[in-house]
Amino acid sequence: MQPTARTDVFPVNESSLFQRLVAQCEGWLRTSTCARRVAADLPLGRVASPEEIAHCGLFLASEEASFVTGAVLVADGGGEIVNVGTLAFGGSR
């Protein structure tokens, strides 16, 4: 099962100023021991490189994402669609 997170805009010191709150949920990385087995079951057919996941975080922290808030960026190659988290350990779709 993929991790999930709930995010919201939250008040800072009960003033009219707000901060952005975002979350990133990544799937299997190329460095994982189960990467080959999992990659075959992912819709994209491969696992992410650590650099690809880092780029997602850099995007969320960048000015390009300045209007993004209360969101979860799932970067898992489609693993959430097929529940690949259990497939690596003998689970079924």
PDB file of N, CA and C in Angstrom:
ATOM      1  N   MET A   1       0.840  -1.175   0.000  1.00  0.00           N
ATOM      2  CA  MET A   1       0.000   0.000   0.000  1.00  0.00           C
ATOM      3  C   MET A   1       0.884   1.237   0.000  1.00  0.00           C
ATOM      4  N   GLN A   2       0.553   2.190  -0.827  1.00  0.00           N
ATOM      5  CA  GLN A   2       1.319   3.420  -0.922  1.00  0.00           C
ATOM      6  C   GLN A   2       1.022   4.335   0.252  1.00  0.00           C
ATOM      7  N   PRO A   3       2.043   5.095   0.685  1.00  0.00           N
ATOM      8  CA  PRO A   3       1.784   6.061   1.755  1.00  0.00           C
ATOM      9  C   PRO A   3       0.894   7.178   1.250  1.00  0.00           C
ATOM     10  N   THR A   4       0.084   7.708   2.114  1.00  0.00           N
ATOM     11  CA  THR A   4      -0.748   8.846   1.743  1.00  0.00           C
ATOM     12  C   THR A   4      -0.565   9.929   2.785  1.00  0.00           C
ATOM     13  N   ALA A   5      -0.884  11.112   2.413  1.00  0.00           N
ATOM     14  CA  ALA A   5      -0.750  12.237   3.334  1.00  0.00           C
ATOM     15  C   ALA A   5      -1.908  13.192   3.108  1.00  0.00           C
ATOM     16  N   ARG A   6      -2.299  13.880   4.161  1.00  0.00           N
ATOM     17  CA  ARG A   6      -3.334  14.907   4.051  1.00  0.00           C
ATOM     18  C   ARG A   6      -2.637  16.238   4.254  1.00  0.00           C
ATOM     19  N   THR A   7      -2.907  17.182   3.377  1.00  0.00           N
ATOM     20  CA  THR A   7      -2.287  18.491   3.482  1.00  0.00           C
ATOM     21  C   THR A   7      -3.350  19.565   3.404  1.00  0.00           C
ATOM     22  N   ASP A   8      -3.084  20.676   4.037  1.00  0.00           N
ATOM     23  CA  ASP A   8      -3.986  21.825   4.035  1.00  0.00           C
ATOM     24  C   ASP A   8      -3.158  23.098   4.114  1.00  0.00           C
ATOM     25  N   VAL A   9      -3.810  24.205   3.828  1.00  0.00           N
ATOM     26  CA  VAL A   9      -3.218  25.500   4.125  1.00  0.00           C
ATOM     27  C   VAL A   9      -3.423  25.720   5.608  1.00  0.00           C
ATOM     28  N   PHE A  10      -2.405  26.142   6.307  1.00  0.00           N
ATOM     29  CA  PHE A  10      -2.557  26.336   7.741  1.00  0.00           C
ATOM     30  C   PHE A  10      -2.194  27.770   8.110  1.00  0.00           C
ATOM     31  N   PRO A  11      -2.888  28.373   9.082  1.00  0.00           N
ATOM     32  CA  PRO A  11      -2.601  29.753   9.468  1.00  0.00           C
ATOM     33  C   PRO A  11      -1.293  29.851  10.241  1.00  0.00           C
ATOM     34  N   VAL A  12      -0.609  30.952  10.062  1.00  0.00           N
ATOM     35  CA  VAL A  12       0.629  31.215  10.781  1.00  0.00           C
ATOM     36  C   VAL A  12       0.342  32.274  11.839  1.00  0.00           C
ATOM     37  N   ASN A  13       0.511  31.915  13.095  1.00  0.00           N
ATOM     38  CA  ASN A  13       0.266  32.844  14.209  1.00  0.00           C
ATOM     39  C   ASN A  13      -1.115  33.489  14.151  1.00  0.00           C
ATOM     40  N   GLU A  14      -2.083  32.766  13.660  1.00  0.00           N
ATOM     41  CA  GLU A  14      -3.462  33.233  13.573  1.00  0.00           C
ATOM     42  C   GLU A  14      -3.594  34.577  12.866  1.00  0.00           C
ATOM     43  N   SER A  15      -2.682  34.864  11.966  1.00  0.00           N
ATOM     44  CA  SER A  15      -2.763  36.107  11.201  1.00  0.00           C
ATOM     45  C   SER A  15      -3.373  35.821   9.844  1.00  0.00           C
ATOM     46  N   SER A  16      -3.373  36.812   8.999  1.00  0.00           N
ATOM     47  CA  SER A  16      -3.928  36.617   7.660  1.00  0.00           C
ATOM     48  C   SER A  16      -2.883  36.039   6.702  1.00  0.00           C
ATOM     49  N   LEU A  17      -1.687  35.768   7.197  1.00  0.00           N
ATOM     50  CA  LEU A  17      -0.646  35.176   6.362  1.00  0.00           C
ATOM     51  C   LEU A  17      -0.773  33.659   6.373  1.00  0.00           C
ATOM     52  N   PHE A  18      -0.555  33.051   5.242  1.00  0.00           N
ATOM     53  CA  PHE A  18      -0.627  31.594   5.135  1.00  0.00           C
ATOM     54  C   PHE A  18       0.642  31.069   4.494  1.00  0.00           C
ATOM     55  N   GLN A  19       0.992  29.864   4.835  1.00  0.00           N
ATOM     56  CA  GLN A  19       2.128  29.173   4.241  1.00  0.00           C
ATOM     57  C   GLN A  19       1.598  28.055   3.348  1.00  0.00           C
ATOM     58  N   ARG A  20       2.401  27.690   2.353  1.00  0.00           N
ATOM     59  CA  ARG A  20       2.036  26.555   1.516  1.00  0.00           C
ATOM     60  C   ARG A  20       2.434  25.274   2.228  1.00  0.00           C
ATOM     61  N   LEU A  21       1.631  24.247   2.044  1.00  0.00           N
ATOM     62  CA  LEU A  21       1.950  22.936   2.603  1.00  0.00           C
ATOM     63  C   LEU A  21       1.727  21.901   1.512  1.00  0.00           C
ATOM     64  N   VAL A  22       2.780  21.198   1.150  1.00  0.00           N
ATOM     65  CA  VAL A  22       2.697  20.163   0.120  1.00  0.00           C
ATOM     66  C   VAL A  22       3.408  18.920   0.635  1.00  0.00           C
ATOM     67  N   ALA A  23       3.117  17.798   0.019  1.00  0.00           N
ATOM     68  CA  ALA A  23       3.766  16.543   0.392  1.00  0.00           C
ATOM     69  C   ALA A  23       4.204  15.816  -0.868  1.00  0.00           C
ATOM     70  N   GLN A  24       5.224  15.018  -0.716  1.00  0.00           N
ATOM     71  CA  GLN A  24       5.717  14.199  -1.821  1.00  0.00           C
ATOM     72  C   GLN A  24       5.736  12.752  -1.356  1.00  0.00           C
ATOM     73  N   CYS A  25       5.118  11.878  -2.123  1.00  0.00           N
ATOM     74  CA  CYS A  25       5.135  10.440  -1.839  1.00  0.00           C
ATOM     75  C   CYS A  25       5.810   9.752  -3.012  1.00  0.00           C
ATOM     76  N   GLU A  26       6.938   9.148  -2.748  1.00  0.00           N
ATOM     77  CA  GLU A  26       7.646   8.471  -3.826  1.00  0.00           C
ATOM     78  C   GLU A  26       7.469   6.971  -3.724  1.00  0.00           C
ATOM     79  N   GLY A  27       7.656   6.341  -4.862  1.00  0.00           N
ATOM     80  CA  GLY A  27       7.555   4.889  -4.922  1.00  0.00           C
ATOM     81  C   GLY A  27       8.928   4.252  -4.791  1.00  0.00           C
ATOM     82  N   TRP A  28       9.126   3.165  -5.493  1.00  0.00           N
ATOM     83  CA  TRP A  28      10.372   2.411  -5.435  1.00  0.00           C
ATOM     84  C   TRP A  28      11.477   3.161  -6.162  1.00  0.00           C
ATOM     85  N   LEU A  29      12.681   3.109  -5.599  1.00  0.00           N
ATOM     86  CA  LEU A  29      13.848   3.734  -6.216  1.00  0.00           C
ATOM     87  C   LEU A  29      14.745   2.683  -6.840  1.00  0.00           C
ATOM     88  N   ARG A  30      15.533   3.108  -7.800  1.00  0.00           N
ATOM     89  CA  ARG A  30      16.452   2.206  -8.487  1.00  0.00           C
ATOM     90  C   ARG A  30      17.419   1.539  -7.514  1.00  0.00           C
ATOM     91  N   THR A  31      17.640   2.122  -6.351  1.00  0.00           N
ATOM     92  CA  THR A  31      18.560   1.549  -5.373  1.00  0.00           C
ATOM     93  C   THR A  31      17.916   0.456  -4.519  1.00  0.00           C
ATOM     94  N   SER A  32      16.622   0.270  -4.624  1.00  0.00           N
ATOM     95  CA  SER A  32      15.917  -0.729  -3.816  1.00  0.00           C
ATOM     96  C   SER A  32      16.298  -2.147  -4.231  1.00  0.00           C
ATOM     97  N   THR A  33      16.301  -3.053  -3.278  1.00  0.00           N
ATOM     98  CA  THR A  33      16.649  -4.439  -3.578  1.00  0.00           C
ATOM     99  C   THR A  33      15.588  -5.139  -4.414  1.00  0.00           C
ATOM    100  N   CYS A  34      14.360  -4.720  -4.314  1.00  0.00           N
ATOM    101  CA  CYS A  34      13.273  -5.342  -5.071  1.00  0.00           C
ATOM    102  C   CYS A  34      12.995  -4.628  -6.392  1.00  0.00           C
ATOM    103  N   ALA A  35      13.846  -3.700  -6.773  1.00  0.00           N
ATOM    104  CA  ALA A  35      13.560  -2.822  -7.909  1.00  0.00           C
ATOM    105  C   ALA A  35      13.246  -3.573  -9.197  1.00  0.00           C
ATOM    106  N   ARG A  36      14.013  -4.603  -9.536  1.00  0.00           N
ATOM    107  CA  ARG A  36      13.758  -5.317 -10.797  1.00  0.00           C
ATOM    108  C   ARG A  36      12.401  -5.997 -10.796  1.00  0.00           C
ATOM    109  N   ARG A  37      12.091  -6.644  -9.708  1.00  0.00           N
ATOM    110  CA  ARG A  37      10.813  -7.355  -9.623  1.00  0.00           C
ATOM    111  C   ARG A  37       9.639  -6.378  -9.676  1.00  0.00           C
ATOM    112  N   VAL A  38       9.765  -5.275  -8.981  1.00  0.00           N
ATOM    113  CA  VAL A  38       8.699  -4.281  -8.943  1.00  0.00           C
ATOM    114  C   VAL A  38       8.560  -3.585 -10.288  1.00  0.00           C
ATOM    115  N   ALA A  39       9.670  -3.272 -10.941  1.00  0.00           N
ATOM    116  CA  ALA A  39       9.638  -2.537 -12.204  1.00  0.00           C
ATOM    117  C   ALA A  39       8.760  -3.227 -13.240  1.00  0.00           C
ATOM    118  N   ALA A  40       8.782  -4.523 -13.283  1.00  0.00           N
ATOM    119  CA  ALA A  40       7.978  -5.261 -14.261  1.00  0.00           C
ATOM    120  C   ALA A  40       6.485  -5.039 -14.050  1.00  0.00           C
ATOM    121  N   ASP A  41       6.077  -4.739 -12.829  1.00  0.00           N
ATOM    122  CA  ASP A  41       4.659  -4.554 -12.524  1.00  0.00           C
ATOM    123  C   ASP A  41       4.200  -3.102 -12.584  1.00  0.00           C
ATOM    124  N   LEU A  42       5.131  -2.160 -12.708  1.00  0.00           N
ATOM    125  CA  LEU A  42       4.753  -0.751 -12.775  1.00  0.00           C
ATOM    126  C   LEU A  42       4.233  -0.395 -14.161  1.00  0.00           C
ATOM    127  N   PRO A  43       3.214   0.433 -14.255  1.00  0.00           N
ATOM    128  CA  PRO A  43       2.730   0.864 -15.565  1.00  0.00           C
ATOM    129  C   PRO A  43       3.822   1.501 -16.430  1.00  0.00           C
ATOM    130  N   LEU A  44       4.775   2.225 -15.821  1.00  0.00           N
ATOM    131  CA  LEU A  44       5.866   2.811 -16.603  1.00  0.00           C
ATOM    132  C   LEU A  44       6.977   1.814 -16.906  1.00  0.00           C
ATOM    133  N   GLY A  45       6.946   0.639 -16.269  1.00  0.00           N
ATOM    134  CA  GLY A  45       7.911  -0.409 -16.555  1.00  0.00           C
ATOM    135  C   GLY A  45       9.298  -0.207 -15.974  1.00  0.00           C
ATOM    136  N   ARG A  46       9.452   0.745 -15.071  1.00  0.00           N
ATOM    137  CA  ARG A  46      10.750   0.996 -14.454  1.00  0.00           C
ATOM    138  C   ARG A  46      10.548   1.701 -13.124  1.00  0.00           C
ATOM    139  N   VAL A  47      11.573   1.673 -12.285  1.00  0.00           N
ATOM    140  CA  VAL A  47      11.540   2.414 -11.028  1.00  0.00           C
ATOM    141  C   VAL A  47      12.259   3.740 -11.240  1.00  0.00           C
ATOM    142  N   ALA A  48      12.079   4.648 -10.313  1.00  0.00           N
ATOM    143  CA  ALA A  48      12.665   5.985 -10.431  1.00  0.00           C
ATOM    144  C   ALA A  48      14.124   5.991 -10.012  1.00  0.00           C
ATOM    145  N   SER A  49      14.858   6.910 -10.594  1.00  0.00           N
ATOM    146  CA  SER A  49      16.212   7.166 -10.102  1.00  0.00           C
ATOM    147  C   SER A  49      16.098   8.139  -8.932  1.00  0.00           C
ATOM    148  N   PRO A  50      17.064   8.133  -8.030  1.00  0.00           N
ATOM    149  CA  PRO A  50      17.029   9.108  -6.938  1.00  0.00           C
ATOM    150  C   PRO A  50      16.958  10.549  -7.455  1.00  0.00           C
ATOM    151  N   GLU A  51      17.592  10.803  -8.592  1.00  0.00           N
ATOM    152  CA  GLU A  51      17.568  12.147  -9.174  1.00  0.00           C
ATOM    153  C   GLU A  51      16.160  12.557  -9.601  1.00  0.00           C
ATOM    154  N   GLU A  52      15.397  11.614 -10.158  1.00  0.00           N
ATOM    155  CA  GLU A  52      14.024  11.929 -10.564  1.00  0.00           C
ATOM    156  C   GLU A  52      13.172  12.330  -9.366  1.00  0.00           C
ATOM    157  N   ILE A  53      13.336  11.629  -8.261  1.00  0.00           N
ATOM    158  CA  ILE A  53      12.584  11.952  -7.050  1.00  0.00           C
ATOM    159  C   ILE A  53      13.034  13.303  -6.505  1.00  0.00           C
ATOM    160  N   ALA A  54      14.335  13.563  -6.549  1.00  0.00           N
ATOM    161  CA  ALA A  54      14.853  14.855  -6.094  1.00  0.00           C
ATOM    162  C   ALA A  54      14.275  15.993  -6.923  1.00  0.00           C
ATOM    163  N   HIS A  55      14.125  15.788  -8.222  1.00  0.00           N
ATOM    164  CA  HIS A  55      13.554  16.829  -9.085  1.00  0.00           C
ATOM    165  C   HIS A  55      12.114  17.154  -8.690  1.00  0.00           C
ATOM    166  N   CYS A  56      11.368  16.160  -8.252  1.00  0.00           N
ATOM    167  CA  CYS A  56       9.996  16.412  -7.786  1.00  0.00           C
ATOM    168  C   CYS A  56      10.010  17.337  -6.572  1.00  0.00           C
ATOM    169  N   GLY A  57      10.896  17.053  -5.625  1.00  0.00           N
ATOM    170  CA  GLY A  57      11.015  17.901  -4.446  1.00  0.00           C
ATOM    171  C   GLY A  57      11.475  19.303  -4.792  1.00  0.00           C
ATOM    172  N   LEU A  58      12.419  19.402  -5.720  1.00  0.00           N
ATOM    173  CA  LEU A  58      12.888  20.718  -6.152  1.00  0.00           C
ATOM    174  C   LEU A  58      11.763  21.507  -6.807  1.00  0.00           C
ATOM    175  N   PHE A  59      10.934  20.830  -7.601  1.00  0.00           N
ATOM    176  CA  PHE A  59       9.790  21.511  -8.203  1.00  0.00           C
ATOM    177  C   PHE A  59       8.859  22.059  -7.130  1.00  0.00           C
ATOM    178  N   LEU A  60       8.510  21.233  -6.147  1.00  0.00           N
ATOM    179  CA  LEU A  60       7.590  21.674  -5.099  1.00  0.00           C
ATOM    180  C   LEU A  60       8.143  22.859  -4.312  1.00  0.00           C
ATOM    181  N   ALA A  61       9.457  22.937  -4.183  1.00  0.00           N
ATOM    182  CA  ALA A  61      10.089  24.033  -3.449  1.00  0.00           C
ATOM    183  C   ALA A  61      10.352  25.258  -4.320  1.00  0.00           C
ATOM    184  N   SER A  62      10.115  25.141  -5.611  1.00  0.00           N
ATOM    185  CA  SER A  62      10.462  26.217  -6.538  1.00  0.00           C
ATOM    186  C   SER A  62       9.346  27.245  -6.699  1.00  0.00           C
ATOM    187  N   GLU A  63       9.707  28.333  -7.341  1.00  0.00           N
ATOM    188  CA  GLU A  63       8.744  29.391  -7.656  1.00  0.00           C
ATOM    189  C   GLU A  63       7.687  28.885  -8.643  1.00  0.00           C
ATOM    190  N   GLU A  64       8.042  27.917  -9.484  1.00  0.00           N
ATOM    191  CA  GLU A  64       7.083  27.365 -10.449  1.00  0.00           C
ATOM    192  C   GLU A  64       5.895  26.708  -9.754  1.00  0.00           C
ATOM    193  N   ALA A  65       6.073  26.271  -8.516  1.00  0.00           N
ATOM    194  CA  ALA A  65       4.987  25.633  -7.766  1.00  0.00           C
ATOM    195  C   ALA A  65       4.412  26.571  -6.706  1.00  0.00           C
ATOM    196  N   SER A  66       4.607  27.862  -6.882  1.00  0.00           N
ATOM    197  CA  SER A  66       4.196  28.823  -5.851  1.00  0.00           C
ATOM    198  C   SER A  66       2.689  28.851  -5.611  1.00  0.00           C
ATOM    199  N   PHE A  67       1.898  28.388  -6.547  1.00  0.00           N
ATOM    200  CA  PHE A  67       0.442  28.387  -6.380  1.00  0.00           C
ATOM    201  C   PHE A  67      -0.082  27.016  -5.971  1.00  0.00           C
ATOM    202  N   VAL A  68       0.807  26.059  -5.790  1.00  0.00           N
ATOM    203  CA  VAL A  68       0.426  24.704  -5.387  1.00  0.00           C
ATOM    204  C   VAL A  68       0.410  24.644  -3.863  1.00  0.00           C
ATOM    205  N   THR A  69      -0.717  24.261  -3.293  1.00  0.00           N
ATOM    206  CA  THR A  69      -0.798  24.073  -1.848  1.00  0.00           C
ATOM    207  C   THR A  69      -1.872  23.044  -1.528  1.00  0.00           C
ATOM    208  N   GLY A  70      -1.718  22.378  -0.411  1.00  0.00           N
ATOM    209  CA  GLY A  70      -2.684  21.353  -0.024  1.00  0.00           C
ATOM    210  C   GLY A  70      -2.671  20.161  -0.952  1.00  0.00           C
ATOM    211  N   ALA A  71      -1.524  19.903  -1.593  1.00  0.00           N
ATOM    212  CA  ALA A  71      -1.447  18.851  -2.607  1.00  0.00           C
ATOM    213  C   ALA A  71      -0.417  17.795  -2.233  1.00  0.00           C
ATOM    214  N   VAL A  72      -0.621  16.611  -2.767  1.00  0.00           N
ATOM    215  CA  VAL A  72       0.337  15.519  -2.621  1.00  0.00           C
ATOM    216  C   VAL A  72       0.814  15.145  -4.017  1.00  0.00           C
ATOM    217  N   LEU A  73       2.115  15.215  -4.247  1.00  0.00           N
ATOM    218  CA  LEU A  73       2.694  14.799  -5.516  1.00  0.00           C
ATOM    219  C   LEU A  73       3.130  13.346  -5.369  1.00  0.00           C
ATOM    220  N   VAL A  74       2.455  12.466  -6.077  1.00  0.00           N
ATOM    221  CA  VAL A  74       2.783  11.036  -6.026  1.00  0.00           C
ATOM    222  C   VAL A  74       3.669  10.725  -7.226  1.00  0.00           C
ATOM    223  N   ALA A  75       4.902  10.358  -6.957  1.00  0.00           N
ATOM    224  CA  ALA A  75       5.866  10.033  -8.007  1.00  0.00           C
ATOM    225  C   ALA A  75       6.259   8.568  -7.834  1.00  0.00           C
ATOM    226  N   ASP A  76       5.422   7.685  -8.366  1.00  0.00           N
ATOM    227  CA  ASP A  76       5.644   6.251  -8.142  1.00  0.00           C
ATOM    228  C   ASP A  76       5.549   5.419  -9.415  1.00  0.00           C
ATOM    229  N   GLY A  77       5.603   6.055 -10.571  1.00  0.00           N
ATOM    230  CA  GLY A  77       5.564   5.313 -11.828  1.00  0.00           C
ATOM    231  C   GLY A  77       4.259   4.588 -12.081  1.00  0.00           C
ATOM    232  N   GLY A  78       3.207   4.994 -11.383  1.00  0.00           N
ATOM    233  CA  GLY A  78       1.904   4.344 -11.516  1.00  0.00           C
ATOM    234  C   GLY A  78       1.691   3.226 -10.513  1.00  0.00           C
ATOM    235  N   GLY A  79       2.599   3.076  -9.561  1.00  0.00           N
ATOM    236  CA  GLY A  79       2.494   2.004  -8.570  1.00  0.00           C
ATOM    237  C   GLY A  79       1.232   2.060  -7.742  1.00  0.00           C
ATOM    238  N   GLU A  80       0.734   3.258  -7.496  1.00  0.00           N
ATOM    239  CA  GLU A  80      -0.498   3.400  -6.719  1.00  0.00           C
ATOM    240  C   GLU A  80      -1.692   2.785  -7.458  1.00  0.00           C
ATOM    241  N   ILE A  81      -1.632   2.791  -8.769  1.00  0.00           N
ATOM    242  CA  ILE A  81      -2.720   2.252  -9.587  1.00  0.00           C
ATOM    243  C   ILE A  81      -2.829   0.736  -9.422  1.00  0.00           C
ATOM    244  N   VAL A  82      -1.674   0.055  -9.358  1.00  0.00           N
ATOM    245  CA  VAL A  82      -1.672  -1.410  -9.305  1.00  0.00           C
ATOM    246  C   VAL A  82      -1.297  -1.959  -7.934  1.00  0.00           C
ATOM    247  N   ASN A  83      -1.154  -1.080  -6.930  1.00  0.00           N
ATOM    248  CA  ASN A  83      -0.777  -1.488  -5.574  1.00  0.00           C
ATOM    249  C   ASN A  83       0.505  -2.310  -5.588  1.00  0.00           C
ATOM    250  N   VAL A  84       1.518  -1.783  -6.246  1.00  0.00           N
ATOM    251  CA  VAL A  84       2.788  -2.482  -6.402  1.00  0.00           C
ATOM    252  C   VAL A  84       3.501  -2.702  -5.068  1.00  0.00           C
ATOM    253  N   GLY A  85       3.130  -1.986  -4.038  1.00  0.00           N
ATOM    254  CA  GLY A  85       3.731  -2.179  -2.722  1.00  0.00           C
ATOM    255  C   GLY A  85       3.561  -3.588  -2.197  1.00  0.00           C
ATOM    256  N   THR A  86       2.465  -4.237  -2.519  1.00  0.00           N
ATOM    257  CA  THR A  86       2.257  -5.615  -2.076  1.00  0.00           C
ATOM    258  C   THR A  86       2.778  -6.627  -3.093  1.00  0.00           C
ATOM    259  N   LEU A  87       2.874  -6.245  -4.353  1.00  0.00           N
ATOM    260  CA  LEU A  87       3.351  -7.178  -5.374  1.00  0.00           C
ATOM    261  C   LEU A  87       4.785  -7.612  -5.116  1.00  0.00           C
ATOM    262  N   ALA A  88       5.613  -6.701  -4.607  1.00  0.00           N
ATOM    263  CA  ALA A  88       7.023  -7.026  -4.371  1.00  0.00           C
ATOM    264  C   ALA A  88       7.193  -8.097  -3.302  1.00  0.00           C
ATOM    265  N   PHE A  89       6.181  -8.289  -2.482  1.00  0.00           N
ATOM    266  CA  PHE A  89       6.275  -9.252  -1.399  1.00  0.00           C
ATOM    267  C   PHE A  89       5.311 -10.418  -1.585  1.00  0.00           C
ATOM    268  N   GLY A  90       4.996 -10.720  -2.836  1.00  0.00           N
ATOM    269  CA  GLY A  90       4.179 -11.883  -3.132  1.00  0.00           C
ATOM    270  C   GLY A  90       2.687 -11.630  -3.098  1.00  0.00           C
ATOM    271  N   GLY A  91       2.288 -10.371  -3.027  1.00  0.00           N
ATOM    272  CA  GLY A  91       0.861 -10.041  -3.025  1.00  0.00           C
ATOM    273  C   GLY A  91       0.277 -10.186  -4.418  1.00  0.00           C
ATOM    274  N   SER A  92      -0.983  -9.893  -4.541  1.00  0.00           N
ATOM    275  CA  SER A  92      -1.630  -9.970  -5.846  1.00  0.00           C
ATOM    276  C   SER A  92      -2.325  -8.665  -6.149  1.00  0.00           C
ATOM    277  N   ARG A  93      -2.621  -8.462  -7.424  1.00  0.00           N
ATOM    278  CA  ARG A  93      -3.304  -7.245  -7.840  1.00  0.00           C
ATOM    279  C   ARG A  93      -4.687  -7.320  -7.342  1.00  0.00           C
TER     280      ARG A  93
END
